[in-house]
Amino acid sequence: MATKKSATKKVTKKAVSKKATTKTTKKIVSKSVNKNNNKSGFVKVGASAPAFNLLDQNGKPVKLDQFSNKIVVLYFYPRAMTPGCTVQACGIRDKEKEFDKLGAVILGVSPDKPESLQKFIDKEKLNFTLLSDPEKETAKSYGAFGLKKFMGREFMGILRSTFIIDRSGKIVHVMPKVDTKTHHQDVIDFIKNNL
């Protein structure tokens, strides 16, 4: 009888230990997810750029690691074909040669579906890749999704922001607030002076 009791105690201890381990693991994973989503702010300069796999305007998958040995300008914008987003995109379009000389690839990211992105490209004759992030997972991983204020109301949305990623895949510059009219030149100036 004594052996049965001690065996039962051992089994119970193992079960309790397993539950505790599971809870601890869940806490660690939860903290890690929150850290990666960076809900308190943008991904930091010096950090490795979060990987992504998004569809472009043609419905083809695009991954960050496709652009190794290139400077990547990853910019997040709220919605295709809206006034501010159009001004910003057209500024980039008009500086294509300068970006090419600098060895920089431009990737614009919004929650729009690929079809809407293609319409935007056709309408404005854009000459760079647009990526669809409908679930906003990539935006969240860069910290580019958060609380916005507009005309007295608060809501969650895409924070217009830009991340410059160097050839080794590190974040070298974060632009948390972007002037849509000067964005293209601000990016060019940073790359010319720092990379």
N, C-alpha and C. Protein backbone atom coordinates (compact mmCIF):
# COMPACT_ATOMS: atom_id res chain seq x y z
N MET A 1 0.84 -1.22 0.00
CA MET A 1 0.00 0.00 0.00
C MET A 1 0.86 1.25 0.00
N ALA A 2 1.95 1.19 0.80
CA ALA A 2 2.85 2.35 0.91
C ALA A 2 3.43 2.70 -0.46
N THR A 3 3.77 1.66 -1.23
CA THR A 3 4.34 1.93 -2.56
C THR A 3 3.32 2.58 -3.49
N LYS A 4 2.06 2.15 -3.40
CA LYS A 4 1.03 2.75 -4.25
C LYS A 4 0.88 4.23 -3.95
N LYS A 5 0.88 4.59 -2.63
CA LYS A 5 0.74 6.00 -2.23
C LYS A 5 1.91 6.82 -2.75
N SER A 6 3.15 6.30 -2.57
CA SER A 6 4.32 7.08 -3.01
C SER A 6 4.32 7.21 -4.54
N ALA A 7 3.86 6.17 -5.24
CA ALA A 7 3.77 6.24 -6.71
C ALA A 7 2.74 7.29 -7.12
N THR A 8 1.60 7.32 -6.38
CA THR A 8 0.56 8.32 -6.67
C THR A 8 1.10 9.71 -6.43
N LYS A 9 1.85 9.91 -5.32
CA LYS A 9 2.43 11.22 -5.02
C LYS A 9 3.38 11.66 -6.14
N LYS A 10 4.21 10.71 -6.62
CA LYS A 10 5.15 11.04 -7.69
C LYS A 10 4.40 11.47 -8.96
N VAL A 11 3.35 10.74 -9.31
CA VAL A 11 2.56 11.08 -10.49
C VAL A 11 1.93 12.45 -10.32
N THR A 12 1.34 12.71 -9.13
CA THR A 12 0.73 14.01 -8.85
C THR A 12 1.76 15.12 -8.95
N LYS A 13 2.95 14.91 -8.36
CA LYS A 13 4.01 15.92 -8.43
C LYS A 13 4.40 16.21 -9.87
N LYS A 14 4.51 15.14 -10.68
CA LYS A 14 4.86 15.33 -12.09
C LYS A 14 3.80 16.14 -12.81
N ALA A 15 2.52 15.84 -12.54
CA ALA A 15 1.41 16.55 -13.18
C ALA A 15 1.43 18.02 -12.80
N VAL A 16 1.63 18.30 -11.49
CA VAL A 16 1.69 19.69 -11.01
C VAL A 16 2.88 20.40 -11.64
N SER A 17 4.03 19.70 -11.67
CA SER A 17 5.24 20.27 -12.26
C SER A 17 5.03 20.59 -13.74
N LYS A 18 4.34 19.68 -14.45
CA LYS A 18 4.08 19.88 -15.87
C LYS A 18 3.18 21.10 -16.08
N LYS A 19 2.14 21.26 -15.22
CA LYS A 19 1.25 22.42 -15.31
C LYS A 19 2.02 23.71 -15.09
N ALA A 20 2.89 23.70 -14.06
CA ALA A 20 3.68 24.89 -13.75
C ALA A 20 4.58 25.25 -14.92
N THR A 21 5.21 24.23 -15.50
CA THR A 21 6.10 24.45 -16.65
C THR A 21 5.31 25.02 -17.82
N THR A 22 4.12 24.47 -18.07
CA THR A 22 3.29 24.96 -19.16
C THR A 22 2.92 26.42 -18.95
N LYS A 23 2.54 26.78 -17.71
CA LYS A 23 2.18 28.17 -17.40
C LYS A 23 3.38 29.09 -17.63
N THR A 24 4.56 28.66 -17.15
CA THR A 24 5.78 29.46 -17.30
C THR A 24 6.09 29.64 -18.78
N THR A 25 5.99 28.56 -19.55
CA THR A 25 6.25 28.63 -20.98
C THR A 25 5.29 29.61 -21.66
N LYS A 26 4.00 29.52 -21.29
CA LYS A 26 3.01 30.43 -21.89
C LYS A 26 3.35 31.88 -21.59
N LYS A 27 3.80 32.15 -20.34
CA LYS A 27 4.17 33.52 -19.97
C LYS A 27 5.34 34.01 -20.81
N ILE A 28 6.35 33.15 -20.97
CA ILE A 28 7.54 33.52 -21.73
C ILE A 28 7.16 33.79 -23.19
N VAL A 29 6.35 32.90 -23.77
CA VAL A 29 5.92 33.07 -25.15
C VAL A 29 5.12 34.36 -25.29
N SER A 30 4.21 34.59 -24.33
CA SER A 30 3.38 35.79 -24.36
C SER A 30 4.24 37.05 -24.31
N LYS A 31 5.25 37.07 -23.41
CA LYS A 31 6.15 38.22 -23.33
C LYS A 31 6.89 38.40 -24.63
N SER A 32 7.35 37.28 -25.20
CA SER A 32 8.11 37.33 -26.46
C SER A 32 7.25 37.89 -27.58
N VAL A 33 5.99 37.45 -27.66
CA VAL A 33 5.08 37.94 -28.70
C VAL A 33 4.88 39.44 -28.53
N ASN A 34 4.63 39.88 -27.29
CA ASN A 34 4.43 41.30 -27.05
C ASN A 34 5.67 42.10 -27.42
N LYS A 35 6.85 41.54 -27.10
CA LYS A 35 8.08 42.23 -27.42
C LYS A 35 8.24 42.35 -28.93
N ASN A 36 7.97 41.25 -29.65
CA ASN A 36 8.11 41.27 -31.10
C ASN A 36 7.08 42.20 -31.75
N ASN A 37 5.87 42.22 -31.21
CA ASN A 37 4.86 43.13 -31.75
C ASN A 37 5.18 44.56 -31.37
N ASN A 38 6.01 44.72 -30.36
CA ASN A 38 6.51 46.03 -29.95
C ASN A 38 5.38 47.04 -29.80
N LYS A 39 4.36 46.65 -29.01
CA LYS A 39 3.17 47.48 -28.87
C LYS A 39 3.50 48.84 -28.26
N SER A 40 4.61 48.94 -27.54
CA SER A 40 4.95 50.20 -26.90
C SER A 40 5.68 51.15 -27.85
N GLY A 41 6.00 50.72 -29.05
CA GLY A 41 6.68 51.63 -29.98
C GLY A 41 7.29 50.90 -31.15
N PHE A 42 8.03 51.68 -31.94
CA PHE A 42 8.63 51.15 -33.16
C PHE A 42 9.81 50.25 -32.86
N VAL A 43 10.09 49.34 -33.79
CA VAL A 43 11.27 48.49 -33.67
C VAL A 43 12.50 49.41 -33.60
N LYS A 44 13.48 49.01 -32.81
CA LYS A 44 14.59 49.91 -32.51
C LYS A 44 15.70 49.86 -33.57
N VAL A 45 16.40 50.99 -33.69
CA VAL A 45 17.58 51.06 -34.54
C VAL A 45 18.61 50.09 -33.98
N GLY A 46 19.26 49.33 -34.87
CA GLY A 46 20.24 48.34 -34.44
C GLY A 46 19.67 46.94 -34.36
N ALA A 47 18.34 46.83 -34.30
CA ALA A 47 17.70 45.51 -34.24
C ALA A 47 17.67 44.89 -35.64
N SER A 48 17.58 43.57 -35.68
CA SER A 48 17.38 42.90 -36.97
C SER A 48 15.97 43.23 -37.45
N ALA A 49 15.85 43.52 -38.72
CA ALA A 49 14.53 43.84 -39.28
C ALA A 49 13.64 42.60 -39.22
N PRO A 50 12.43 42.72 -38.67
CA PRO A 50 11.53 41.57 -38.63
C PRO A 50 11.25 41.02 -40.03
N ALA A 51 11.32 39.71 -40.15
CA ALA A 51 11.06 39.06 -41.45
C ALA A 51 9.59 39.18 -41.81
N PHE A 52 9.30 39.11 -43.10
CA PHE A 52 7.91 39.10 -43.54
C PHE A 52 7.80 38.31 -44.84
N ASN A 53 6.58 37.90 -45.13
CA ASN A 53 6.27 37.20 -46.37
C ASN A 53 4.89 37.70 -46.79
N LEU A 54 4.86 38.69 -47.69
CA LEU A 54 3.62 39.34 -48.09
C LEU A 54 3.41 39.24 -49.59
N LEU A 55 2.17 39.38 -50.01
CA LEU A 55 1.87 39.37 -51.45
C LEU A 55 2.04 40.77 -52.02
N ASP A 56 2.63 40.84 -53.22
CA ASP A 56 2.76 42.14 -53.88
C ASP A 56 1.51 42.42 -54.71
N GLN A 57 1.56 43.48 -55.50
CA GLN A 57 0.40 43.91 -56.30
C GLN A 57 -0.01 42.85 -57.33
N ASN A 58 0.91 41.94 -57.68
CA ASN A 58 0.59 40.87 -58.64
C ASN A 58 0.17 39.57 -57.96
N GLY A 59 0.09 39.60 -56.62
CA GLY A 59 -0.27 38.39 -55.88
C GLY A 59 0.90 37.44 -55.69
N LYS A 60 2.13 37.93 -55.94
CA LYS A 60 3.33 37.09 -55.77
C LYS A 60 3.93 37.33 -54.39
N PRO A 61 4.39 36.25 -53.72
CA PRO A 61 4.97 36.42 -52.39
C PRO A 61 6.33 37.14 -52.44
N VAL A 62 6.52 38.04 -51.49
CA VAL A 62 7.78 38.79 -51.37
C VAL A 62 8.27 38.65 -49.94
N LYS A 63 9.55 38.27 -49.81
CA LYS A 63 10.16 38.12 -48.48
C LYS A 63 11.29 39.13 -48.34
N LEU A 64 11.53 39.55 -47.11
CA LEU A 64 12.60 40.51 -46.86
C LEU A 64 13.95 39.96 -47.29
N ASP A 65 14.20 38.67 -47.04
CA ASP A 65 15.52 38.11 -47.34
C ASP A 65 15.83 38.02 -48.84
N GLN A 66 14.86 38.35 -49.70
CA GLN A 66 15.12 38.43 -51.14
C GLN A 66 16.03 39.61 -51.47
N PHE A 67 16.14 40.55 -50.53
CA PHE A 67 16.85 41.80 -50.82
C PHE A 67 18.16 41.93 -50.05
N SER A 68 18.79 40.78 -49.75
CA SER A 68 20.08 40.85 -49.07
C SER A 68 21.07 41.56 -50.01
N ASN A 69 21.98 42.30 -49.42
CA ASN A 69 22.95 43.13 -50.17
C ASN A 69 22.31 44.34 -50.85
N LYS A 70 21.11 44.68 -50.42
CA LYS A 70 20.45 45.90 -50.89
C LYS A 70 20.04 46.72 -49.67
N ILE A 71 19.93 48.01 -49.86
CA ILE A 71 19.33 48.86 -48.83
C ILE A 71 17.83 48.78 -49.08
N VAL A 72 17.06 48.52 -48.03
CA VAL A 72 15.60 48.42 -48.18
C VAL A 72 14.95 49.59 -47.46
N VAL A 73 14.12 50.30 -48.20
CA VAL A 73 13.30 51.37 -47.62
C VAL A 73 11.89 50.79 -47.50
N LEU A 74 11.52 50.45 -46.28
CA LEU A 74 10.21 49.84 -46.01
C LEU A 74 9.33 50.91 -45.41
N TYR A 75 8.29 51.31 -46.16
CA TYR A 75 7.43 52.35 -45.61
C TYR A 75 5.99 51.87 -45.51
N PHE A 76 5.36 52.25 -44.39
CA PHE A 76 3.98 51.88 -44.11
C PHE A 76 3.08 53.09 -44.34
N TYR A 77 1.98 52.86 -45.05
CA TYR A 77 1.04 53.94 -45.32
C TYR A 77 -0.38 53.41 -45.11
N PRO A 78 -1.32 54.27 -44.72
CA PRO A 78 -2.65 53.79 -44.35
C PRO A 78 -3.49 53.17 -45.46
N ARG A 79 -3.52 53.81 -46.65
CA ARG A 79 -4.45 53.31 -47.66
C ARG A 79 -4.10 53.83 -49.05
N ALA A 80 -4.14 52.94 -50.03
CA ALA A 80 -3.85 53.33 -51.41
C ALA A 80 -4.89 54.31 -51.93
N MET A 81 -4.42 55.20 -52.79
CA MET A 81 -5.25 56.16 -53.52
C MET A 81 -5.91 57.23 -52.65
N THR A 82 -5.41 57.42 -51.44
CA THR A 82 -5.88 58.55 -50.63
C THR A 82 -4.90 59.70 -50.85
N PRO A 83 -5.30 60.94 -50.57
CA PRO A 83 -4.46 62.09 -50.93
C PRO A 83 -3.02 62.04 -50.41
N GLY A 84 -2.84 61.86 -49.09
CA GLY A 84 -1.48 61.85 -48.52
C GLY A 84 -0.65 60.70 -49.04
N CYS A 85 -1.26 59.54 -49.16
CA CYS A 85 -0.53 58.35 -49.63
C CYS A 85 -0.13 58.51 -51.10
N THR A 86 -0.95 59.20 -51.87
CA THR A 86 -0.65 59.43 -53.29
C THR A 86 0.52 60.40 -53.43
N VAL A 87 0.50 61.48 -52.66
CA VAL A 87 1.60 62.45 -52.70
C VAL A 87 2.91 61.76 -52.33
N GLN A 88 2.88 60.96 -51.28
CA GLN A 88 4.07 60.24 -50.82
C GLN A 88 4.59 59.28 -51.90
N ALA A 89 3.71 58.48 -52.47
CA ALA A 89 4.10 57.49 -53.48
C ALA A 89 4.64 58.16 -54.74
N CYS A 90 4.02 59.24 -55.16
CA CYS A 90 4.46 59.92 -56.38
C CYS A 90 5.83 60.58 -56.18
N GLY A 91 6.10 61.05 -54.98
CA GLY A 91 7.43 61.60 -54.67
C GLY A 91 8.50 60.54 -54.83
N ILE A 92 8.21 59.34 -54.35
CA ILE A 92 9.16 58.22 -54.49
C ILE A 92 9.30 57.84 -55.96
N ARG A 93 8.19 57.75 -56.65
CA ARG A 93 8.19 57.41 -58.09
C ARG A 93 9.12 58.32 -58.89
N ASP A 94 9.05 59.63 -58.60
CA ASP A 94 9.82 60.61 -59.36
C ASP A 94 11.31 60.60 -59.05
N LYS A 95 11.71 59.88 -58.01
CA LYS A 95 13.14 59.81 -57.65
C LYS A 95 13.73 58.42 -57.92
N GLU A 96 13.10 57.69 -58.83
CA GLU A 96 13.53 56.31 -59.12
C GLU A 96 15.03 56.22 -59.41
N LYS A 97 15.56 57.12 -60.27
CA LYS A 97 16.97 57.04 -60.65
C LYS A 97 17.89 57.24 -59.46
N GLU A 98 17.53 58.16 -58.58
CA GLU A 98 18.37 58.40 -57.40
C GLU A 98 18.38 57.19 -56.47
N PHE A 99 17.22 56.58 -56.27
CA PHE A 99 17.15 55.38 -55.43
C PHE A 99 17.96 54.24 -56.05
N ASP A 100 17.88 54.11 -57.38
CA ASP A 100 18.65 53.07 -58.07
C ASP A 100 20.16 53.28 -57.88
N LYS A 101 20.61 54.52 -58.03
CA LYS A 101 22.05 54.83 -57.84
C LYS A 101 22.52 54.47 -56.45
N LEU A 102 21.64 54.65 -55.47
CA LEU A 102 22.00 54.37 -54.07
C LEU A 102 21.89 52.88 -53.73
N GLY A 103 21.39 52.09 -54.67
CA GLY A 103 21.21 50.65 -54.42
C GLY A 103 20.10 50.37 -53.44
N ALA A 104 19.06 51.23 -53.48
CA ALA A 104 17.95 51.10 -52.53
C ALA A 104 16.71 50.54 -53.22
N VAL A 105 16.05 49.63 -52.53
CA VAL A 105 14.79 49.04 -52.99
C VAL A 105 13.67 49.65 -52.14
N ILE A 106 12.62 50.08 -52.79
CA ILE A 106 11.47 50.67 -52.08
C ILE A 106 10.36 49.64 -51.98
N LEU A 107 9.83 49.45 -50.78
CA LEU A 107 8.69 48.57 -50.56
C LEU A 107 7.65 49.35 -49.75
N GLY A 108 6.49 49.58 -50.34
CA GLY A 108 5.40 50.24 -49.63
C GLY A 108 4.43 49.20 -49.10
N VAL A 109 4.03 49.34 -47.84
CA VAL A 109 3.16 48.34 -47.20
C VAL A 109 1.88 49.01 -46.70
N SER A 110 0.74 48.40 -47.04
CA SER A 110 -0.55 48.88 -46.53
C SER A 110 -1.48 47.68 -46.36
N PRO A 111 -2.62 47.87 -45.69
CA PRO A 111 -3.57 46.75 -45.54
C PRO A 111 -4.38 46.44 -46.80
N ASP A 112 -4.17 47.20 -47.87
CA ASP A 112 -4.94 46.99 -49.10
C ASP A 112 -4.69 45.62 -49.72
N LYS A 113 -5.68 45.13 -50.44
CA LYS A 113 -5.54 43.86 -51.15
C LYS A 113 -4.70 44.09 -52.42
N PRO A 114 -4.06 43.01 -52.94
CA PRO A 114 -3.23 43.17 -54.13
C PRO A 114 -3.92 43.87 -55.31
N GLU A 115 -5.21 43.60 -55.53
CA GLU A 115 -5.92 44.23 -56.66
C GLU A 115 -5.95 45.76 -56.51
N SER A 116 -6.17 46.23 -55.28
CA SER A 116 -6.20 47.67 -55.02
C SER A 116 -4.82 48.27 -55.23
N LEU A 117 -3.80 47.52 -54.84
CA LEU A 117 -2.42 48.00 -55.02
C LEU A 117 -2.10 48.14 -56.50
N GLN A 118 -2.56 47.18 -57.31
CA GLN A 118 -2.30 47.25 -58.76
C GLN A 118 -3.02 48.45 -59.37
N LYS A 119 -4.24 48.73 -58.90
CA LYS A 119 -4.97 49.91 -59.40
C LYS A 119 -4.22 51.19 -59.07
N PHE A 120 -3.67 51.23 -57.85
CA PHE A 120 -2.89 52.40 -57.40
C PHE A 120 -1.67 52.57 -58.31
N ILE A 121 -0.97 51.48 -58.58
CA ILE A 121 0.22 51.52 -59.44
C ILE A 121 -0.16 51.99 -60.85
N ASP A 122 -1.24 51.43 -61.40
CA ASP A 122 -1.68 51.81 -62.75
C ASP A 122 -2.08 53.28 -62.82
N LYS A 123 -2.84 53.71 -61.84
CA LYS A 123 -3.36 55.08 -61.84
C LYS A 123 -2.24 56.11 -61.73
N GLU A 124 -1.25 55.84 -60.85
CA GLU A 124 -0.19 56.83 -60.59
C GLU A 124 1.12 56.49 -61.29
N LYS A 125 1.13 55.42 -62.10
CA LYS A 125 2.34 54.97 -62.81
C LYS A 125 3.51 54.78 -61.84
N LEU A 126 3.23 54.08 -60.75
CA LEU A 126 4.27 53.84 -59.74
C LEU A 126 5.26 52.80 -60.26
N ASN A 127 6.52 52.95 -59.87
CA ASN A 127 7.59 52.09 -60.39
C ASN A 127 8.33 51.33 -59.29
N PHE A 128 7.61 51.00 -58.23
CA PHE A 128 8.20 50.22 -57.15
C PHE A 128 7.14 49.27 -56.60
N THR A 129 7.58 48.36 -55.74
CA THR A 129 6.70 47.29 -55.24
C THR A 129 5.83 47.75 -54.08
N LEU A 130 4.57 47.37 -54.14
CA LEU A 130 3.64 47.59 -53.03
C LEU A 130 3.26 46.22 -52.46
N LEU A 131 3.16 46.15 -51.15
CA LEU A 131 2.87 44.88 -50.47
C LEU A 131 1.57 44.96 -49.68
N SER A 132 0.84 43.87 -49.67
CA SER A 132 -0.45 43.76 -49.00
C SER A 132 -0.28 43.13 -47.62
N ASP A 133 -0.71 43.85 -46.58
CA ASP A 133 -0.63 43.37 -45.19
C ASP A 133 -2.01 43.48 -44.54
N PRO A 134 -3.01 42.71 -45.07
CA PRO A 134 -4.39 42.87 -44.61
C PRO A 134 -4.60 42.59 -43.12
N GLU A 135 -3.83 41.67 -42.57
CA GLU A 135 -3.96 41.35 -41.14
C GLU A 135 -3.12 42.28 -40.27
N LYS A 136 -2.34 43.12 -40.92
CA LYS A 136 -1.48 44.11 -40.25
C LYS A 136 -0.40 43.46 -39.37
N GLU A 137 -0.08 42.20 -39.64
CA GLU A 137 0.93 41.49 -38.84
C GLU A 137 2.31 42.10 -39.01
N THR A 138 2.67 42.43 -40.25
CA THR A 138 3.99 43.04 -40.50
C THR A 138 4.04 44.43 -39.88
N ALA A 139 2.99 45.20 -40.05
CA ALA A 139 2.93 46.53 -39.45
C ALA A 139 3.12 46.43 -37.93
N LYS A 140 2.46 45.46 -37.31
CA LYS A 140 2.58 45.28 -35.86
C LYS A 140 4.00 44.89 -35.47
N SER A 141 4.63 44.03 -36.28
CA SER A 141 5.99 43.58 -35.92
C SER A 141 7.00 44.72 -35.99
N TYR A 142 6.71 45.74 -36.78
CA TYR A 142 7.59 46.91 -36.87
C TYR A 142 7.13 48.03 -35.92
N GLY A 143 6.00 47.84 -35.27
CA GLY A 143 5.46 48.88 -34.39
C GLY A 143 4.72 49.95 -35.16
N ALA A 144 4.36 49.67 -36.41
CA ALA A 144 3.71 50.66 -37.27
C ALA A 144 2.19 50.55 -37.25
N PHE A 145 1.65 49.95 -36.20
CA PHE A 145 0.20 49.87 -36.02
C PHE A 145 -0.07 50.30 -34.60
N GLY A 146 -0.91 51.30 -34.42
CA GLY A 146 -1.16 51.77 -33.06
C GLY A 146 -2.27 52.80 -33.01
N LEU A 147 -2.33 53.47 -31.88
CA LEU A 147 -3.39 54.46 -31.64
C LEU A 147 -3.14 55.71 -32.46
N LYS A 148 -4.20 56.15 -33.16
CA LYS A 148 -4.12 57.37 -33.96
C LYS A 148 -5.20 58.34 -33.48
N LYS A 149 -4.93 59.62 -33.71
CA LYS A 149 -5.93 60.63 -33.37
C LYS A 149 -6.20 61.46 -34.62
N PHE A 150 -7.48 61.64 -34.92
CA PHE A 150 -7.85 62.42 -36.09
C PHE A 150 -9.20 63.08 -35.84
N MET A 151 -9.24 64.39 -35.97
CA MET A 151 -10.46 65.18 -35.79
C MET A 151 -11.19 64.83 -34.50
N GLY A 152 -10.43 64.76 -33.42
CA GLY A 152 -11.02 64.53 -32.11
C GLY A 152 -11.38 63.10 -31.78
N ARG A 153 -11.11 62.18 -32.70
CA ARG A 153 -11.41 60.80 -32.34
C ARG A 153 -10.15 59.96 -32.35
N GLU A 154 -10.17 58.90 -31.55
CA GLU A 154 -9.03 58.00 -31.43
C GLU A 154 -9.41 56.64 -32.02
N PHE A 155 -8.47 56.02 -32.71
CA PHE A 155 -8.72 54.70 -33.29
C PHE A 155 -7.38 54.03 -33.56
N MET A 156 -7.43 52.71 -33.76
CA MET A 156 -6.23 51.96 -34.08
C MET A 156 -6.06 51.93 -35.59
N GLY A 157 -4.82 52.12 -36.05
CA GLY A 157 -4.58 52.10 -37.49
C GLY A 157 -3.10 52.08 -37.82
N ILE A 158 -2.81 52.13 -39.11
CA ILE A 158 -1.42 52.15 -39.59
C ILE A 158 -0.81 53.51 -39.28
N LEU A 159 0.36 53.47 -38.67
CA LEU A 159 1.10 54.70 -38.39
C LEU A 159 2.05 54.95 -39.56
N ARG A 160 1.86 56.06 -40.24
CA ARG A 160 2.69 56.36 -41.41
C ARG A 160 4.14 56.49 -40.94
N SER A 161 4.96 55.56 -41.34
CA SER A 161 6.34 55.50 -40.84
C SER A 161 7.23 54.78 -41.83
N THR A 162 8.54 54.98 -41.68
CA THR A 162 9.51 54.39 -42.61
C THR A 162 10.68 53.79 -41.85
N PHE A 163 11.15 52.65 -42.35
CA PHE A 163 12.29 51.95 -41.75
C PHE A 163 13.33 51.73 -42.85
N ILE A 164 14.55 52.17 -42.58
CA ILE A 164 15.63 51.94 -43.54
C ILE A 164 16.47 50.78 -43.00
N ILE A 165 16.61 49.78 -43.84
CA ILE A 165 17.29 48.53 -43.46
C ILE A 165 18.57 48.42 -44.28
N ASP A 166 19.70 48.19 -43.60
CA ASP A 166 20.98 48.14 -44.32
C ASP A 166 21.18 46.78 -45.00
N ARG A 167 22.32 46.65 -45.65
CA ARG A 167 22.59 45.43 -46.44
C ARG A 167 22.72 44.17 -45.59
N SER A 168 22.95 44.35 -44.30
CA SER A 168 23.07 43.17 -43.42
C SER A 168 21.74 42.81 -42.75
N GLY A 169 20.68 43.58 -43.07
CA GLY A 169 19.36 43.27 -42.50
C GLY A 169 19.07 43.94 -41.17
N LYS A 170 19.88 44.97 -40.82
CA LYS A 170 19.67 45.70 -39.56
C LYS A 170 18.90 46.99 -39.84
N ILE A 171 18.08 47.37 -38.86
CA ILE A 171 17.38 48.66 -38.93
C ILE A 171 18.41 49.75 -38.62
N VAL A 172 18.61 50.68 -39.56
CA VAL A 172 19.59 51.75 -39.32
C VAL A 172 18.93 53.11 -39.12
N HIS A 173 17.65 53.21 -39.48
CA HIS A 173 16.97 54.49 -39.29
C HIS A 173 15.46 54.25 -39.23
N VAL A 174 14.82 54.95 -38.30
CA VAL A 174 13.36 54.88 -38.17
C VAL A 174 12.81 56.29 -38.30
N MET A 175 11.83 56.45 -39.18
CA MET A 175 11.15 57.74 -39.33
C MET A 175 9.73 57.54 -38.79
N PRO A 176 9.51 57.87 -37.50
CA PRO A 176 8.20 57.61 -36.90
C PRO A 176 7.10 58.55 -37.38
N LYS A 177 7.49 59.72 -37.87
CA LYS A 177 6.51 60.65 -38.44
C LYS A 177 7.06 61.07 -39.78
N VAL A 178 6.21 61.04 -40.78
CA VAL A 178 6.65 61.29 -42.14
C VAL A 178 5.89 62.47 -42.73
N ASP A 179 6.63 63.37 -43.37
CA ASP A 179 6.00 64.45 -44.14
C ASP A 179 5.84 63.90 -45.55
N THR A 180 4.62 63.71 -45.99
CA THR A 180 4.37 63.06 -47.29
C THR A 180 5.00 63.84 -48.45
N LYS A 181 5.12 65.15 -48.30
CA LYS A 181 5.66 65.97 -49.40
C LYS A 181 7.18 65.87 -49.52
N THR A 182 7.88 65.63 -48.41
CA THR A 182 9.34 65.60 -48.45
C THR A 182 9.92 64.22 -48.16
N HIS A 183 9.07 63.24 -47.96
CA HIS A 183 9.50 61.91 -47.56
C HIS A 183 10.61 61.34 -48.45
N HIS A 184 10.40 61.39 -49.77
CA HIS A 184 11.38 60.85 -50.71
C HIS A 184 12.76 61.47 -50.53
N GLN A 185 12.80 62.80 -50.37
CA GLN A 185 14.09 63.49 -50.23
C GLN A 185 14.70 63.23 -48.85
N ASP A 186 13.87 63.14 -47.83
CA ASP A 186 14.38 62.84 -46.48
C ASP A 186 15.08 61.48 -46.46
N VAL A 187 14.49 60.51 -47.15
CA VAL A 187 15.07 59.16 -47.22
C VAL A 187 16.38 59.19 -48.01
N ILE A 188 16.38 59.85 -49.16
CA ILE A 188 17.58 59.95 -49.99
C ILE A 188 18.72 60.60 -49.21
N ASP A 189 18.41 61.70 -48.52
CA ASP A 189 19.44 62.41 -47.75
C ASP A 189 20.04 61.52 -46.68
N PHE A 190 19.20 60.75 -45.98
CA PHE A 190 19.72 59.87 -44.94
C PHE A 190 20.64 58.82 -45.55
N ILE A 191 20.21 58.18 -46.61
CA ILE A 191 21.04 57.13 -47.23
C ILE A 191 22.36 57.71 -47.74
N LYS A 192 22.31 58.85 -48.40
CA LYS A 192 23.54 59.48 -48.93
C LYS A 192 24.53 59.80 -47.81
N ASN A 193 24.02 60.28 -46.71
CA ASN A 193 24.90 60.74 -45.62
C ASN A 193 25.33 59.64 -44.65
N ASN A 194 24.66 58.51 -44.68
CA ASN A 194 24.93 57.49 -43.66
C ASN A 194 25.25 56.09 -44.16
N LEU A 195 24.96 55.78 -45.40
CA LEU A 195 25.17 54.40 -45.87
C LEU A 195 26.04 54.35 -47.12
